[in-house]
Amino acid sequence: MSRDDGREILVPGAGQALDNLKLAVARDLGVTDTQKTQTYQQILDSWKYEVAGELGLDKRINGEYWGNLTSKECGKVGGRMGGKIGGNMVKKMIEFAEQNMR
């Protein structure tokens, strides 16, 4: 079975469940629109530009082209985003596991 984006999944519905978890974590971090109409990828893209702006890198981004930035600068954007989302996803998964072990 494959997802809409072509990636293979082993458990039907697991891909959507993971996307829902990512969206929930993004919302917990305040990284979402108030109307809750955006997909996780749209939220992530929006947050990427917001973080780049906080780092003062937004002036060097040309539309969707990030080629004017060094890999180190791009890594700073990704690191700030990934650390928050990844760490909070792990916390949520641990909470879920603990609740279901009782």
PDB file of N, CA and C in Angstrom:
ATOM      1  N   MET A   1       0.844  -1.166   0.000  1.00  0.00           N
ATOM      2  CA  MET A   1       0.000   0.000   0.000  1.00  0.00           C
ATOM      3  C   MET A   1       0.895   1.236   0.000  1.00  0.00           C
ATOM      4  N   SER A   2       0.477   2.278  -0.696  1.00  0.00           N
ATOM      5  CA  SER A   2       1.275   3.506  -0.719  1.00  0.00           C
ATOM      6  C   SER A   2       0.402   4.697  -0.378  1.00  0.00           C
ATOM      7  N   ARG A   3       1.064   5.721   0.116  1.00  0.00           N
ATOM      8  CA  ARG A   3       0.388   6.962   0.476  1.00  0.00           C
ATOM      9  C   ARG A   3       0.196   7.813  -0.760  1.00  0.00           C
ATOM     10  N   ASP A   4      -0.513   8.926  -0.587  1.00  0.00           N
ATOM     11  CA  ASP A   4      -0.718   9.857  -1.687  1.00  0.00           C
ATOM     12  C   ASP A   4       0.600  10.383  -2.234  1.00  0.00           C
ATOM     13  N   ASP A   5       1.596  10.516  -1.358  1.00  0.00           N
ATOM     14  CA  ASP A   5       2.881  11.054  -1.798  1.00  0.00           C
ATOM     15  C   ASP A   5       3.792   9.966  -2.364  1.00  0.00           C
ATOM     16  N   GLY A   6       3.292   8.735  -2.481  1.00  0.00           N
ATOM     17  CA  GLY A   6       4.057   7.654  -3.101  1.00  0.00           C
ATOM     18  C   GLY A   6       4.886   6.831  -2.143  1.00  0.00           C
ATOM     19  N   ARG A   7       4.999   7.253  -0.881  1.00  0.00           N
ATOM     20  CA  ARG A   7       5.779   6.482   0.084  1.00  0.00           C
ATOM     21  C   ARG A   7       5.020   5.228   0.487  1.00  0.00           C
ATOM     22  N   GLU A   8       5.739   4.156   0.646  1.00  0.00           N
ATOM     23  CA  GLU A   8       5.130   2.895   1.060  1.00  0.00           C
ATOM     24  C   GLU A   8       4.890   2.900   2.559  1.00  0.00           C
ATOM     25  N   ILE A   9       3.781   2.318   2.971  1.00  0.00           N
ATOM     26  CA  ILE A   9       3.510   2.163   4.391  1.00  0.00           C
ATOM     27  C   ILE A   9       3.195   0.703   4.668  1.00  0.00           C
ATOM     28  N   LEU A  10       3.517   0.256   5.860  1.00  0.00           N
ATOM     29  CA  LEU A  10       3.282  -1.129   6.229  1.00  0.00           C
ATOM     30  C   LEU A  10       1.929  -1.336   6.880  1.00  0.00           C
ATOM     31  N   VAL A  11       1.472  -0.372   7.631  1.00  0.00           N
ATOM     32  CA  VAL A  11       0.217  -0.490   8.352  1.00  0.00           C
ATOM     33  C   VAL A  11      -0.773   0.518   7.777  1.00  0.00           C
ATOM     34  N   PRO A  12      -1.886   0.032   7.219  1.00  0.00           N
ATOM     35  CA  PRO A  12      -2.871   0.973   6.674  1.00  0.00           C
ATOM     36  C   PRO A  12      -3.317   1.973   7.741  1.00  0.00           C
ATOM     37  N   GLY A  13      -3.347   3.231   7.378  1.00  0.00           N
ATOM     38  CA  GLY A  13      -3.757   4.283   8.299  1.00  0.00           C
ATOM     39  C   GLY A  13      -2.638   4.836   9.155  1.00  0.00           C
ATOM     40  N   ALA A  14      -1.488   4.172   9.174  1.00  0.00           N
ATOM     41  CA  ALA A  14      -0.382   4.630  10.021  1.00  0.00           C
ATOM     42  C   ALA A  14       0.170   5.967   9.539  1.00  0.00           C
ATOM     43  N   GLY A  15       0.248   6.147   8.239  1.00  0.00           N
ATOM     44  CA  GLY A  15       0.770   7.396   7.690  1.00  0.00           C
ATOM     45  C   GLY A  15      -0.091   8.575   8.101  1.00  0.00           C
ATOM     46  N   GLN A  16      -1.385   8.420   8.009  1.00  0.00           N
ATOM     47  CA  GLN A  16      -2.305   9.490   8.397  1.00  0.00           C
ATOM     48  C   GLN A  16      -2.229   9.734   9.902  1.00  0.00           C
ATOM     49  N   ALA A  17      -2.107   8.662  10.667  1.00  0.00           N
ATOM     50  CA  ALA A  17      -1.998   8.812  12.122  1.00  0.00           C
ATOM     51  C   ALA A  17      -0.732   9.579  12.491  1.00  0.00           C
ATOM     52  N   LEU A  18       0.365   9.299  11.804  1.00  0.00           N
ATOM     53  CA  LEU A  18       1.615  10.017  12.073  1.00  0.00           C
ATOM     54  C   LEU A  18       1.482  11.489  11.686  1.00  0.00           C
ATOM     55  N   ASP A  19       0.855  11.754  10.549  1.00  0.00           N
ATOM     56  CA  ASP A  19       0.623  13.147  10.151  1.00  0.00           C
ATOM     57  C   ASP A  19      -0.253  13.869  11.180  1.00  0.00           C
ATOM     58  N   ASN A  20      -1.254  13.174  11.716  1.00  0.00           N
ATOM     59  CA  ASN A  20      -2.117  13.767  12.740  1.00  0.00           C
ATOM     60  C   ASN A  20      -1.328  14.076  14.009  1.00  0.00           C
ATOM     61  N   LEU A  21      -0.402  13.176  14.378  1.00  0.00           N
ATOM     62  CA  LEU A  21       0.443  13.420  15.549  1.00  0.00           C
ATOM     63  C   LEU A  21       1.320  14.642  15.320  1.00  0.00           C
ATOM     64  N   LYS A  22       1.920  14.736  14.147  1.00  0.00           N
ATOM     65  CA  LYS A  22       2.761  15.897  13.825  1.00  0.00           C
ATOM     66  C   LYS A  22       1.947  17.185  13.897  1.00  0.00           C
ATOM     67  N   LEU A  23       0.733  17.145  13.372  1.00  0.00           N
ATOM     68  CA  LEU A  23      -0.130  18.322  13.392  1.00  0.00           C
ATOM     69  C   LEU A  23      -0.500  18.696  14.820  1.00  0.00           C
ATOM     70  N   ALA A  24      -0.777  17.705  15.662  1.00  0.00           N
ATOM     71  CA  ALA A  24      -1.106  17.971  17.064  1.00  0.00           C
ATOM     72  C   ALA A  24       0.080  18.598  17.787  1.00  0.00           C
ATOM     73  N   VAL A  25       1.276  18.090  17.532  1.00  0.00           N
ATOM     74  CA  VAL A  25       2.476  18.647  18.160  1.00  0.00           C
ATOM     75  C   VAL A  25       2.694  20.079  17.690  1.00  0.00           C
ATOM     76  N   ALA A  26       2.526  20.316  16.392  1.00  0.00           N
ATOM     77  CA  ALA A  26       2.687  21.676  15.859  1.00  0.00           C
ATOM     78  C   ALA A  26       1.695  22.616  16.526  1.00  0.00           C
ATOM     79  N   ARG A  27       0.463  22.167  16.702  1.00  0.00           N
ATOM     80  CA  ARG A  27      -0.549  23.007  17.359  1.00  0.00           C
ATOM     81  C   ARG A  27      -0.170  23.279  18.810  1.00  0.00           C
ATOM     82  N   ASP A  28       0.330  22.251  19.502  1.00  0.00           N
ATOM     83  CA  ASP A  28       0.764  22.434  20.895  1.00  0.00           C
ATOM     84  C   ASP A  28       1.863  23.471  21.000  1.00  0.00           C
ATOM     85  N   LEU A  29       2.711  23.544  19.976  1.00  0.00           N
ATOM     86  CA  LEU A  29       3.802  24.507  19.964  1.00  0.00           C
ATOM     87  C   LEU A  29       3.365  25.877  19.474  1.00  0.00           C
ATOM     88  N   GLY A  30       2.079  25.984  19.094  1.00  0.00           N
ATOM     89  CA  GLY A  30       1.578  27.257  18.588  1.00  0.00           C
ATOM     90  C   GLY A  30       1.947  27.511  17.142  1.00  0.00           C
ATOM     91  N   VAL A  31       2.344  26.451  16.442  1.00  0.00           N
ATOM     92  CA  VAL A  31       2.759  26.568  15.050  1.00  0.00           C
ATOM     93  C   VAL A  31       1.612  26.086  14.171  1.00  0.00           C
ATOM     94  N   THR A  32       0.572  26.888  14.094  1.00  0.00           N
ATOM     95  CA  THR A  32      -0.568  26.509  13.270  1.00  0.00           C
ATOM     96  C   THR A  32      -1.439  27.730  13.018  1.00  0.00           C
ATOM     97  N   ASP A  33      -2.312  27.592  12.056  1.00  0.00           N
ATOM     98  CA  ASP A  33      -3.263  28.677  11.806  1.00  0.00           C
ATOM     99  C   ASP A  33      -4.442  28.513  12.777  1.00  0.00           C
ATOM    100  N   THR A  34      -5.083  29.593  13.098  1.00  0.00           N
ATOM    101  CA  THR A  34      -6.171  29.544  14.073  1.00  0.00           C
ATOM    102  C   THR A  34      -7.406  28.847  13.526  1.00  0.00           C
ATOM    103  N   GLN A  35      -7.571  28.818  12.214  1.00  0.00           N
ATOM    104  CA  GLN A  35      -8.753  28.193  11.627  1.00  0.00           C
ATOM    105  C   GLN A  35      -8.565  26.694  11.410  1.00  0.00           C
ATOM    106  N   LYS A  36      -7.348  26.188  11.611  1.00  0.00           N
ATOM    107  CA  LYS A  36      -7.028  24.770  11.489  1.00  0.00           C
ATOM    108  C   LYS A  36      -7.392  24.222  10.114  1.00  0.00           C
ATOM    109  N   THR A  37      -7.045  24.987   9.083  1.00  0.00           N
ATOM    110  CA  THR A  37      -7.350  24.559   7.722  1.00  0.00           C
ATOM    111  C   THR A  37      -6.107  24.128   6.950  1.00  0.00           C
ATOM    112  N   GLN A  38      -4.931  24.358   7.519  1.00  0.00           N
ATOM    113  CA  GLN A  38      -3.702  24.032   6.806  1.00  0.00           C
ATOM    114  C   GLN A  38      -3.273  22.600   7.094  1.00  0.00           C
ATOM    115  N   THR A  39      -2.545  22.019   6.154  1.00  0.00           N
ATOM    116  CA  THR A  39      -1.956  20.705   6.372  1.00  0.00           C
ATOM    117  C   THR A  39      -0.675  20.878   7.180  1.00  0.00           C
ATOM    118  N   TYR A  40      -0.157  19.768   7.678  1.00  0.00           N
ATOM    119  CA  TYR A  40       1.087  19.823   8.440  1.00  0.00           C
ATOM    120  C   TYR A  40       2.204  20.403   7.587  1.00  0.00           C
ATOM    121  N   GLN A  41       2.285  20.005   6.310  1.00  0.00           N
ATOM    122  CA  GLN A  41       3.357  20.497   5.446  1.00  0.00           C
ATOM    123  C   GLN A  41       3.248  22.005   5.233  1.00  0.00           C
ATOM    124  N   GLN A  42       2.039  22.523   5.080  1.00  0.00           N
ATOM    125  CA  GLN A  42       1.851  23.966   4.929  1.00  0.00           C
ATOM    126  C   GLN A  42       2.266  24.699   6.198  1.00  0.00           C
ATOM    127  N   ILE A  43       1.922  24.139   7.340  1.00  0.00           N
ATOM    128  CA  ILE A  43       2.305  24.740   8.611  1.00  0.00           C
ATOM    129  C   ILE A  43       3.816  24.734   8.752  1.00  0.00           C
ATOM    130  N   LEU A  44       4.434  23.606   8.413  1.00  0.00           N
ATOM    131  CA  LEU A  44       5.881  23.479   8.509  1.00  0.00           C
ATOM    132  C   LEU A  44       6.582  24.479   7.599  1.00  0.00           C
ATOM    133  N   ASP A  45       6.088  24.621   6.367  1.00  0.00           N
ATOM    134  CA  ASP A  45       6.676  25.587   5.437  1.00  0.00           C
ATOM    135  C   ASP A  45       6.563  27.007   5.968  1.00  0.00           C
ATOM    136  N   SER A  46       5.407  27.343   6.524  1.00  0.00           N
ATOM    137  CA  SER A  46       5.195  28.671   7.080  1.00  0.00           C
ATOM    138  C   SER A  46       6.137  28.920   8.251  1.00  0.00           C
ATOM    139  N   TRP A  47       6.268  27.923   9.110  1.00  0.00           N
ATOM    140  CA  TRP A  47       7.134  28.057  10.277  1.00  0.00           C
ATOM    141  C   TRP A  47       8.593  28.184   9.865  1.00  0.00           C
ATOM    142  N   LYS A  48       8.971  27.501   8.789  1.00  0.00           N
ATOM    143  CA  LYS A  48      10.348  27.576   8.283  1.00  0.00           C
ATOM    144  C   LYS A  48      10.716  29.016   7.943  1.00  0.00           C
ATOM    145  N   TYR A  49       9.829  29.715   7.283  1.00  0.00           N
ATOM    146  CA  TYR A  49      10.087  31.115   6.933  1.00  0.00           C
ATOM    147  C   TYR A  49      10.079  32.011   8.173  1.00  0.00           C
ATOM    148  N   GLU A  50       9.224  31.695   9.134  1.00  0.00           N
ATOM    149  CA  GLU A  50       9.181  32.468  10.374  1.00  0.00           C
ATOM    150  C   GLU A  50      10.500  32.320  11.135  1.00  0.00           C
ATOM    151  N   VAL A  51      11.009  31.089  11.233  1.00  0.00           N
ATOM    152  CA  VAL A  51      12.279  30.856  11.925  1.00  0.00           C
ATOM    153  C   VAL A  51      13.417  31.538  11.176  1.00  0.00           C
ATOM    154  N   ALA A  52      13.401  31.467   9.853  1.00  0.00           N
ATOM    155  CA  ALA A  52      14.432  32.145   9.064  1.00  0.00           C
ATOM    156  C   ALA A  52      14.419  33.642   9.340  1.00  0.00           C
ATOM    157  N   GLY A  53      13.220  34.211   9.489  1.00  0.00           N
ATOM    158  CA  GLY A  53      13.102  35.628   9.812  1.00  0.00           C
ATOM    159  C   GLY A  53      13.665  35.946  11.183  1.00  0.00           C
ATOM    160  N   GLU A  54      13.400  35.076  12.155  1.00  0.00           N
ATOM    161  CA  GLU A  54      13.935  35.283  13.506  1.00  0.00           C
ATOM    162  C   GLU A  54      15.460  35.262  13.504  1.00  0.00           C
ATOM    163  N   LEU A  55      16.035  34.476  12.596  1.00  0.00           N
ATOM    164  CA  LEU A  55      17.490  34.373  12.496  1.00  0.00           C
ATOM    165  C   LEU A  55      18.083  35.447  11.584  1.00  0.00           C
ATOM    166  N   GLY A  56      17.220  36.289  10.995  1.00  0.00           N
ATOM    167  CA  GLY A  56      17.691  37.348  10.109  1.00  0.00           C
ATOM    168  C   GLY A  56      18.094  36.860   8.726  1.00  0.00           C
ATOM    169  N   LEU A  57      17.607  35.699   8.343  1.00  0.00           N
ATOM    170  CA  LEU A  57      17.984  35.114   7.057  1.00  0.00           C
ATOM    171  C   LEU A  57      16.942  35.343   5.965  1.00  0.00           C
ATOM    172  N   ASP A  58      15.783  35.832   6.330  1.00  0.00           N
ATOM    173  CA  ASP A  58      14.686  35.954   5.371  1.00  0.00           C
ATOM    174  C   ASP A  58      14.979  36.899   4.216  1.00  0.00           C
ATOM    175  N   LYS A  59      15.828  37.879   4.426  1.00  0.00           N
ATOM    176  CA  LYS A  59      16.136  38.838   3.359  1.00  0.00           C
ATOM    177  C   LYS A  59      16.942  38.202   2.231  1.00  0.00           C
ATOM    178  N   ARG A  60      17.586  37.071   2.520  1.00  0.00           N
ATOM    179  CA  ARG A  60      18.408  36.405   1.509  1.00  0.00           C
ATOM    180  C   ARG A  60      17.678  35.263   0.816  1.00  0.00           C
ATOM    181  N   ILE A  61      16.435  35.015   1.220  1.00  0.00           N
ATOM    182  CA  ILE A  61      15.633  33.977   0.579  1.00  0.00           C
ATOM    183  C   ILE A  61      14.833  34.633  -0.534  1.00  0.00           C
ATOM    184  N   ASN A  62      14.908  34.074  -1.716  1.00  0.00           N
ATOM    185  CA  ASN A  62      14.226  34.643  -2.878  1.00  0.00           C
ATOM    186  C   ASN A  62      13.009  33.781  -3.202  1.00  0.00           C
ATOM    187  N   GLY A  63      11.846  34.151  -2.676  1.00  0.00           N
ATOM    188  CA  GLY A  63      10.641  33.351  -2.874  1.00  0.00           C
ATOM    189  C   GLY A  63      10.797  32.011  -2.184  1.00  0.00           C
ATOM    190  N   GLU A  64      10.791  30.938  -2.983  1.00  0.00           N
ATOM    191  CA  GLU A  64      10.989  29.604  -2.429  1.00  0.00           C
ATOM    192  C   GLU A  64      12.427  29.130  -2.613  1.00  0.00           C
ATOM    193  N   TYR A  65      13.287  29.980  -3.141  1.00  0.00           N
ATOM    194  CA  TYR A  65      14.678  29.613  -3.414  1.00  0.00           C
ATOM    195  C   TYR A  65      15.558  29.952  -2.218  1.00  0.00           C
ATOM    196  N   TRP A  66      16.154  28.919  -1.630  1.00  0.00           N
ATOM    197  CA  TRP A  66      17.011  29.072  -0.461  1.00  0.00           C
ATOM    198  C   TRP A  66      18.488  28.936  -0.832  1.00  0.00           C
ATOM    199  N   GLY A  67      18.802  28.922  -2.111  1.00  0.00           N
ATOM    200  CA  GLY A  67      20.166  28.688  -2.575  1.00  0.00           C
ATOM    201  C   GLY A  67      21.175  29.756  -2.205  1.00  0.00           C
ATOM    202  N   ASN A  68      20.706  30.905  -1.758  1.00  0.00           N
ATOM    203  CA  ASN A  68      21.619  31.975  -1.352  1.00  0.00           C
ATOM    204  C   ASN A  68      22.135  31.784   0.077  1.00  0.00           C
ATOM    205  N   LEU A  69      21.598  30.795   0.778  1.00  0.00           N
ATOM    206  CA  LEU A  69      22.025  30.526   2.142  1.00  0.00           C
ATOM    207  C   LEU A  69      23.050  29.405   2.154  1.00  0.00           C
ATOM    208  N   THR A  70      23.922  29.440   3.144  1.00  0.00           N
ATOM    209  CA  THR A  70      24.882  28.343   3.297  1.00  0.00           C
ATOM    210  C   THR A  70      24.172  27.154   3.932  1.00  0.00           C
ATOM    211  N   SER A  71      24.794  25.988   3.839  1.00  0.00           N
ATOM    212  CA  SER A  71      24.202  24.812   4.471  1.00  0.00           C
ATOM    213  C   SER A  71      24.153  24.993   5.987  1.00  0.00           C
ATOM    214  N   LYS A  72      25.116  25.701   6.541  1.00  0.00           N
ATOM    215  CA  LYS A  72      25.132  25.963   7.982  1.00  0.00           C
ATOM    216  C   LYS A  72      23.916  26.803   8.389  1.00  0.00           C
ATOM    217  N   GLU A  73      23.593  27.815   7.580  1.00  0.00           N
ATOM    218  CA  GLU A  73      22.448  28.671   7.881  1.00  0.00           C
ATOM    219  C   GLU A  73      21.140  27.888   7.756  1.00  0.00           C
ATOM    220  N   CYS A  74      21.037  27.072   6.714  1.00  0.00           N
ATOM    221  CA  CYS A  74      19.835  26.243   6.556  1.00  0.00           C
ATOM    222  C   CYS A  74      19.718  25.268   7.720  1.00  0.00           C
ATOM    223  N   GLY A  75      20.854  24.747   8.170  1.00  0.00           N
ATOM    224  CA  GLY A  75      20.861  23.834   9.301  1.00  0.00           C
ATOM    225  C   GLY A  75      20.375  24.489  10.581  1.00  0.00           C
ATOM    226  N   LYS A  76      20.683  25.772  10.740  1.00  0.00           N
ATOM    227  CA  LYS A  76      20.196  26.497  11.924  1.00  0.00           C
ATOM    228  C   LYS A  76      18.673  26.571  11.913  1.00  0.00           C
ATOM    229  N   VAL A  77      18.096  26.811  10.734  1.00  0.00           N
ATOM    230  CA  VAL A  77      16.638  26.869  10.616  1.00  0.00           C
ATOM    231  C   VAL A  77      16.053  25.498  10.942  1.00  0.00           C
ATOM    232  N   GLY A  78      16.577  24.470  10.289  1.00  0.00           N
ATOM    233  CA  GLY A  78      16.074  23.116  10.511  1.00  0.00           C
ATOM    234  C   GLY A  78      16.288  22.633  11.929  1.00  0.00           C
ATOM    235  N   GLY A  79      17.417  22.984  12.507  1.00  0.00           N
ATOM    236  CA  GLY A  79      17.703  22.567  13.871  1.00  0.00           C
ATOM    237  C   GLY A  79      16.758  23.153  14.881  1.00  0.00           C
ATOM    238  N   ARG A  80      16.447  24.410  14.688  1.00  0.00           N
ATOM    239  CA  ARG A  80      15.520  25.070  15.624  1.00  0.00           C
ATOM    240  C   ARG A  80      14.126  24.460  15.497  1.00  0.00           C
ATOM    241  N   MET A  81      13.733  24.147  14.275  1.00  0.00           N
ATOM    242  CA  MET A  81      12.412  23.564  14.050  1.00  0.00           C
ATOM    243  C   MET A  81      12.375  22.109  14.501  1.00  0.00           C
ATOM    244  N   GLY A  82      13.339  21.339  14.042  1.00  0.00           N
ATOM    245  CA  GLY A  82      13.348  19.901  14.307  1.00  0.00           C
ATOM    246  C   GLY A  82      13.467  19.556  15.768  1.00  0.00           C
ATOM    247  N   GLY A  83      14.263  20.321  16.487  1.00  0.00           N
ATOM    248  CA  GLY A  83      14.424  20.046  17.910  1.00  0.00           C
ATOM    249  C   GLY A  83      13.122  20.167  18.672  1.00  0.00           C
ATOM    250  N   LYS A  84      12.375  21.205  18.375  1.00  0.00           N
ATOM    251  CA  LYS A  84      11.108  21.413  19.063  1.00  0.00           C
ATOM    252  C   LYS A  84      10.080  20.354  18.669  1.00  0.00           C
ATOM    253  N   ILE A  85       9.942  20.121  17.374  1.00  0.00           N
ATOM    254  CA  ILE A  85       8.922  19.180  16.919  1.00  0.00           C
ATOM    255  C   ILE A  85       9.311  17.752  17.277  1.00  0.00           C
ATOM    256  N   GLY A  86      10.543  17.372  16.971  1.00  0.00           N
ATOM    257  CA  GLY A  86      10.974  16.004  17.239  1.00  0.00           C
ATOM    258  C   GLY A  86      10.917  15.658  18.714  1.00  0.00           C
ATOM    259  N   GLY A  87      11.420  16.539  19.556  1.00  0.00           N
ATOM    260  CA  GLY A  87      11.395  16.283  20.991  1.00  0.00           C
ATOM    261  C   GLY A  87       9.992  16.172  21.542  1.00  0.00           C
ATOM    262  N   ASN A  88       9.110  17.017  21.067  1.00  0.00           N
ATOM    263  CA  ASN A  88       7.728  16.968  21.536  1.00  0.00           C
ATOM    264  C   ASN A  88       6.981  15.765  20.989  1.00  0.00           C
ATOM    265  N   MET A  89       7.331  15.296  19.793  1.00  0.00           N
ATOM    266  CA  MET A  89       6.709  14.081  19.262  1.00  0.00           C
ATOM    267  C   MET A  89       7.084  12.886  20.130  1.00  0.00           C
ATOM    268  N   VAL A  90       8.341  12.810  20.534  1.00  0.00           N
ATOM    269  CA  VAL A  90       8.780  11.712  21.402  1.00  0.00           C
ATOM    270  C   VAL A  90       8.018  11.757  22.724  1.00  0.00           C
ATOM    271  N   LYS A  91       7.872  12.938  23.293  1.00  0.00           N
ATOM    272  CA  LYS A  91       7.124  13.077  24.546  1.00  0.00           C
ATOM    273  C   LYS A  91       5.694  12.572  24.378  1.00  0.00           C
ATOM    274  N   LYS A  92       5.044  12.963  23.270  1.00  0.00           N
ATOM    275  CA  LYS A  92       3.662  12.538  23.019  1.00  0.00           C
ATOM    276  C   LYS A  92       3.576  11.015  22.863  1.00  0.00           C
ATOM    277  N   MET A  93       4.544  10.423  22.158  1.00  0.00           N
ATOM    278  CA  MET A  93       4.523   8.972  21.960  1.00  0.00           C
ATOM    279  C   MET A  93       4.729   8.239  23.282  1.00  0.00           C
ATOM    280  N   ILE A  94       5.587   8.762  24.137  1.00  0.00           N
ATOM    281  CA  ILE A  94       5.804   8.147  25.449  1.00  0.00           C
ATOM    282  C   ILE A  94       4.533   8.255  26.289  1.00  0.00           C
ATOM    283  N   GLU A  95       3.888   9.425  26.280  1.00  0.00           N
ATOM    284  CA  GLU A  95       2.639   9.596  27.013  1.00  0.00           C
ATOM    285  C   GLU A  95       1.588   8.610  26.523  1.00  0.00           C
ATOM    286  N   PHE A  96       1.486   8.458  25.204  1.00  0.00           N
ATOM    287  CA  PHE A  96       0.516   7.537  24.616  1.00  0.00           C
ATOM    288  C   PHE A  96       0.808   6.110  25.059  1.00  0.00           C
ATOM    289  N   ALA A  97       2.068   5.719  25.010  1.00  0.00           N
ATOM    290  CA  ALA A  97       2.450   4.362  25.404  1.00  0.00           C
ATOM    291  C   ALA A  97       2.145   4.123  26.883  1.00  0.00           C
ATOM    292  N   GLU A  98       2.471   5.094  27.732  1.00  0.00           N
ATOM    293  CA  GLU A  98       2.202   4.956  29.158  1.00  0.00           C
ATOM    294  C   GLU A  98       0.718   4.826  29.449  1.00  0.00           C
ATOM    295  N   GLN A  99      -0.111   5.585  28.744  1.00  0.00           N
ATOM    296  CA  GLN A  99      -1.560   5.518  28.946  1.00  0.00           C
ATOM    297  C   GLN A  99      -2.124   4.173  28.516  1.00  0.00           C
ATOM    298  N   ASN A 100      -1.553   3.589  27.465  1.00  0.00           N
ATOM    299  CA  ASN A 100      -2.076   2.330  26.938  1.00  0.00           C
ATOM    300  C   ASN A 100      -1.491   1.098  27.606  1.00  0.00           C
ATOM    301  N   MET A 101      -0.535   1.279  28.510  1.00  0.00           N
ATOM    302  CA  MET A 101       0.043   0.151  29.237  1.00  0.00           C
ATOM    303  C   MET A 101      -0.719  -0.118  30.523  1.00  0.00           C
ATOM    304  N   ARG A 102      -1.545   0.791  30.928  1.00  0.00           N
ATOM    305  CA  ARG A 102      -2.274   0.641  32.201  1.00  0.00           C
ATOM    306  C   ARG A 102      -3.432  -0.294  32.080  1.00  0.00           C
TER     307      ARG A 102
END
